[in-house]
Protein backbone atom coordinates (compact mmCIF):
# COMPACT_ATOMS: atom_id res chain seq x y z
CA MET A 1 128.00 110.42 168.61
CA THR A 2 126.87 113.32 166.35
CA GLY A 3 130.34 114.33 164.47
CA GLU A 4 129.18 110.91 163.45
CA ILE A 5 125.49 111.60 162.71
CA ILE A 6 126.31 114.61 160.88
CA THR A 7 129.59 113.01 158.94
CA GLU A 8 126.53 110.41 157.36
CA ILE A 9 124.35 113.00 156.78
CA ILE A 10 126.77 115.60 154.28
CA ILE A 11 127.93 112.03 152.99
CA ALA A 12 124.08 111.05 151.81
CA ILE A 13 123.83 114.62 150.86
CA PRO A 14 125.63 114.24 147.25
CA LEU A 15 124.55 110.65 146.83
CA LEU A 16 120.97 112.04 147.11
CA LEU A 17 121.75 114.85 144.39
CA VAL A 18 123.43 112.02 142.03
CA ILE A 19 120.57 109.70 142.22
CA ALA A 20 117.96 112.53 141.16
CA ALA A 21 120.06 114.11 139.06
CA GLN A 22 120.58 110.41 137.13
CA CYS A 23 116.56 109.58 137.47
CA TYR A 24 116.21 113.03 135.78
CA LEU A 25 118.24 111.76 132.99
CA ILE A 26 116.34 109.01 132.28
CA HIS A 27 113.53 109.92 132.78
CA ASP A 28 114.61 112.66 129.57
CA LEU A 29 115.88 110.74 127.88
CA SER A 30 112.99 108.34 127.33
CA GLU A 31 111.08 110.96 126.62
CA LYS A 32 113.59 111.89 123.31
CA TRP A 33 113.28 107.87 122.73
CA ASP A 34 109.69 107.96 122.66
CA ALA A 35 109.25 110.92 120.58
CA LYS A 36 112.09 109.69 118.20
CA GLU A 37 110.07 106.45 117.80
CA LYS A 38 106.65 107.74 117.61
CA ASP A 39 108.08 109.71 114.62
CA LEU A 40 109.98 106.52 113.22
CA LEU A 41 107.05 104.58 112.99
CA ASN A 42 104.76 107.13 111.06
CA ARG A 43 107.50 107.59 108.51
CA ILE A 44 107.26 103.31 108.12
CA LEU A 45 103.11 103.61 107.43
CA ALA A 46 103.20 106.63 105.85
CA LYS A 47 105.85 105.20 103.21
CA ASN A 48 104.38 101.58 103.15
CA TYR A 49 100.50 102.61 103.38
CA GLU A 50 100.00 102.71 99.98
CA THR A 51 101.50 99.30 99.20
CA PHE A 52 99.46 98.20 101.92
CA VAL A 53 95.94 99.68 100.25
CA GLN A 54 97.36 98.38 96.87
CA GLY A 55 97.66 94.76 98.02
CA GLU A 56 94.27 94.84 99.91
CA ALA A 57 93.14 95.17 96.15
CA VAL A 58 95.05 92.79 94.87
CA MET A 59 93.41 90.34 96.82
CA ARG A 60 89.86 91.12 96.61
CA GLU A 61 89.78 91.52 92.67
CA PRO A 62 91.29 89.31 89.92
CA PRO A 63 93.78 89.99 88.19
CA LYS A 64 92.86 92.62 84.78
CA PRO A 65 95.32 93.07 81.92
CA LEU A 66 96.29 97.17 82.34
CA THR A 67 96.43 99.88 79.58
CA PRO A 68 99.96 101.78 78.57
CA GLU A 69 98.44 104.58 80.89
CA GLU A 70 97.63 102.37 83.45
CA ILE A 71 101.48 101.15 83.68
CA TYR A 72 102.94 104.03 83.66
CA GLU A 73 100.75 105.76 86.40
CA GLN A 74 101.70 102.56 88.65
CA GLN A 75 105.16 103.60 87.64
CA ILE A 76 105.53 107.56 88.46
CA GLU A 77 107.46 107.74 91.95
CA ARG A 78 104.51 109.34 94.53
CA GLY A 79 105.75 111.33 96.81
CA ILE A 80 109.23 111.79 98.50
CA PRO A 81 110.53 108.92 99.00
CA VAL A 82 112.40 109.14 102.75
């Protein structure tokens, strides 16, 4: 009777250790994924913010003819492309 209990305890301990290791890995991977997702969202928002603001301004104002200087300024690449 006591031999069976000891055997069950010996079997249960490694199983509990494996479960604990898997919980730790899932938690660690979840944190890394969240950090990566946050970084990617920040990059997307930073890259498209200027386009978003220009689009809002276009919707508020009627179109006007552009001078050659304004056309040149719009065509200049701003920032580092990602």
